[in-house]
Amino acid sequence: MNHILQKLGLYQPNWLTDPRFTKPALLIMGVWGVGSIMIIFLAALQDVPRTLYEAAEIDGANALKRFFYITLPGISPAIFFQLIMGIINNFQYFTQAYLMIGSSTGGGLNVVSGGAENSLLFYALYLYQNAFNLFKMGKASAMAWILFVVVAVVTAVVFKTQDRWVSYGEE
């Protein structure tokens, strides 16, 4: 990335040790995982019946109305699935920060650190550090239960609201 920025004559940040750039580095790294999400959305888009679009066009619906009244309801199960998976995965955000901290500390992955100025100290990483670096198993266990309860509550709220916005075909 810095090589490209250098060729463009732009500033090349130290992505792993500058706290202003650690989160953008994680965002850039996260772009690699978007492909599988797009495959699910592509499959959902291909499942929306073309006859609905044709009927809406005959009735005079513009592109915006077709999107909001046909496309979004048609792919809402995929949106719901991705929302649930995103909630669960993001509450457990660990691996990327763990690897970045290890590479920024010279490969010492057992360092008790949250990266530059603790800018990468996510909850799951803090839980891991308490358990396996500081050997505070009781605290780490309590933190894991709190994480479980929070994820379960947020997921339950999304499941409770799904009947308002998720449309399953012929219903």
Foldseek 3Di string as FASTA:
>chain_A
DQVVCVVVVHDRDPQFADLVRVVVVVVVVCVVVCVVLVVLLVVLQVPQDVVVVVVCVVVPDDPVCCCVPGVQQSCVVSVLVVVLVCLVCVLQPDDVQLVSQCVVVVNPSLDPALTHVVSNVHLNNVLCCVCPNVVVPVVSVVSVVVSVVVSVVVNVVSVVCCVVRHHDPPD
